Each structure stands twice: as C-alpha cells, then as structure tokens.
Amino acid sequence: MTYGRCEDMPVWQDARMVVSIVATLIKNNERLRRDFSLADQLRRAAYSIMLNISEGFERNSDKEFAHFLNVAKGSAGELRSIIYIIADNGYVSHGHLTEIHFHIEHVSNQLSKFRAFLLDDS
C-alpha cells in the first residue's frame, strides 16, 4: 500500500495517540508535572516516535525511511523505560500505565514490521 502523506499511515496515527496519552498523563499528575526533567524526557521520547516516522516518510528512499523507523523504535523503547521509572518511583501505579504500555508496544511492533517490509529485497 502506498501512502500519500505520513498522516495516512496507521503507525503514525498510533504514534500520535501515544503522544496524546502521554500529554494526558502529565496533565493529570501533579507530581509528574512538578518533575520537569522527567516530564520533559517523557514528552520528548513520545514526540520522537511520531516525528521520526514523519521525517523518514519525507525522505526519498526506503533505506532512509527504514533508518528513521529504527530511530522511532528506539524512542519507543526509551518511552517504555521511562514509564517503568514513573511507576517504580510511585508517580502512578503500574496498573495505571497498562494502556500506554499497550499502545507503545503496538507502535513498536508496527515499526518493526514496516521496517522489515521496506528492507525486503525479494
């Protein structure tokens, strides 16, 4: 399938949802809002997923696009780790983070499959 815009790709749409969930998490958690460094790192990791998908899409080759999808996947891993830090430090319970963890894993899996598709030379 060919997409005319990055906004049409399900993986980009799902990454956008992750950004929204992160924004809501920060907005609704006073303790996290006060931890500017952690909240900023959380935002930047979520943004990075979406932004790298967009940047890679705008490149002129599947190889470059695959590279940016790989960077986005790395940011998904970073985001998962930050989520654990938030839970382990008592900002929210582990149970409250189930939804965001599910979405991050879903995006990460999509990125892996999309990257493999782009690099498939058969």
Protein backbone atom coordinates (compact mmCIF):
# COMPACT_ATOMS: atom_id res chain seq x y z
CA MET A 1 0.00 0.00 0.00
CA THR A 2 1.23 3.45 -0.85
CA TYR A 3 0.51 6.42 1.38
CA GLY A 4 0.30 9.96 0.09
CA ARG A 5 1.00 11.54 3.48
CA CYS A 6 2.56 10.32 6.69
CA GLU A 7 -0.69 11.24 8.43
CA ASP A 8 -2.41 8.45 6.47
CA MET A 9 -0.20 5.72 7.92
CA PRO A 10 -1.70 3.73 10.82
CA VAL A 11 1.67 3.66 12.61
CA TRP A 12 1.86 7.48 12.54
CA GLN A 13 -1.75 7.72 13.77
CA ASP A 14 -1.00 5.31 16.61
CA ALA A 15 2.18 7.23 17.50
CA ARG A 16 0.05 10.38 17.64
CA MET A 17 -2.26 8.60 20.07
CA VAL A 18 0.75 7.77 22.27
CA VAL A 19 1.69 11.48 22.31
CA SER A 20 -1.86 12.31 23.38
CA ILE A 21 -1.85 9.68 26.15
CA VAL A 22 1.50 11.00 27.43
CA ALA A 23 0.18 14.58 27.42
CA THR A 24 -2.88 13.49 29.40
CA LEU A 25 -0.74 11.51 31.84
CA ILE A 26 1.42 14.56 32.55
CA LYS A 27 -1.55 16.94 32.70
CA ASN A 28 -3.43 14.77 35.19
CA ASN A 29 -0.49 14.01 37.51
CA GLU A 30 0.63 16.94 39.63
CA ARG A 31 3.70 15.14 40.96
CA LEU A 32 4.85 14.30 37.44
CA ARG A 33 4.16 17.86 36.26
CA ARG A 34 6.43 19.16 39.03
CA ASP A 35 9.24 16.83 37.96
CA PHE A 36 10.10 18.96 34.94
CA SER A 37 13.05 16.86 33.85
CA LEU A 38 11.19 13.55 33.87
CA ALA A 39 8.07 15.04 32.28
CA ASP A 40 10.21 16.63 29.57
CA GLN A 41 12.03 13.37 28.87
CA LEU A 42 8.69 11.58 28.71
CA ARG A 43 7.34 14.10 26.21
CA ARG A 44 10.49 14.10 24.09
CA ALA A 45 10.56 10.31 23.80
CA ALA A 46 6.89 10.23 22.73
CA TYR A 47 7.38 13.10 20.28
CA SER A 48 10.45 11.43 18.83
CA ILE A 49 8.47 8.39 17.74
CA MET A 50 5.95 10.43 15.79
CA LEU A 51 8.50 12.91 14.43
CA ASN A 52 10.91 10.27 13.17
CA ILE A 53 8.13 8.46 11.34
CA SER A 54 7.26 11.77 9.64
CA GLU A 55 10.85 12.65 8.83
CA GLY A 56 11.58 9.22 7.40
CA PHE A 57 8.44 9.32 5.30
CA GLU A 58 9.60 12.54 3.69
CA ARG A 59 12.95 11.02 2.65
CA ASN A 60 13.41 9.79 -0.88
CA SER A 61 14.38 6.22 -0.22
CA ASP A 62 13.09 3.16 1.54
CA LYS A 63 16.51 2.71 3.12
CA GLU A 64 16.42 6.17 4.72
CA PHE A 65 12.80 5.69 5.78
CA ALA A 66 13.75 2.37 7.40
CA HIS A 67 16.56 4.13 9.27
CA PHE A 68 14.14 6.68 10.75
CA LEU A 69 11.67 3.93 11.65
CA ASN A 70 14.54 2.29 13.52
CA VAL A 71 15.21 5.53 15.40
CA ALA A 72 11.49 5.78 16.21
CA LYS A 73 11.58 2.21 17.52
CA GLY A 74 14.50 3.16 19.76
CA SER A 75 12.44 6.04 21.13
CA ALA A 76 9.59 3.62 21.81
CA GLY A 77 12.00 1.56 23.92
CA GLU A 78 13.12 4.69 25.73
CA LEU A 79 9.50 5.63 26.39
CA ARG A 80 8.74 2.18 27.82
CA SER A 81 11.69 2.56 30.19
CA ILE A 82 10.52 5.99 31.32
CA ILE A 83 7.08 4.53 32.01
CA TYR A 84 8.70 1.97 34.32
CA ILE A 85 10.65 4.75 36.07
CA ILE A 86 7.42 6.64 36.64
CA ALA A 87 5.70 3.58 38.11
CA ASP A 88 8.71 2.41 40.13
CA ASN A 89 9.01 5.83 41.74
CA GLY A 90 5.36 5.92 42.75
CA TYR A 91 4.11 8.64 40.41
CA VAL A 92 1.31 6.29 39.37
CA SER A 93 0.59 2.63 39.90
CA HIS A 94 1.82 0.04 37.43
CA GLY A 95 -1.82 -0.73 36.66
CA HIS A 96 -2.50 2.82 35.54
CA LEU A 97 0.22 2.50 32.93
CA THR A 98 -1.19 -0.60 31.24
CA GLU A 99 -2.93 1.39 28.50
CA ILE A 100 0.10 3.44 27.49
CA HIS A 101 2.36 0.39 27.65
CA PHE A 102 -0.02 -1.48 25.33
CA HIS A 103 -0.01 1.39 22.83
CA ILE A 104 3.77 1.78 22.91
CA GLU A 105 4.23 -1.97 22.31
CA HIS A 106 1.72 -1.84 19.45
CA VAL A 107 3.57 1.04 17.78
CA SER A 108 6.92 -0.67 18.33
CA ASN A 109 5.64 -3.84 16.64
CA GLN A 110 4.25 -1.82 13.73
CA LEU A 111 7.60 -0.08 13.31
CA SER A 112 9.43 -3.42 13.19
CA LYS A 113 7.08 -4.84 10.58
CA PHE A 114 7.11 -1.68 8.47
CA ARG A 115 10.90 -1.51 8.58
CA ALA A 116 11.18 -5.17 7.54
CA PHE A 117 8.75 -4.54 4.69
CA LEU A 118 10.80 -1.58 3.42
CA LEU A 119 14.04 -3.55 3.52
CA ASP A 120 12.63 -6.72 1.96
CA ASP A 121 14.53 -7.14 -1.32
CA SER A 122 12.62 -10.17 -2.55
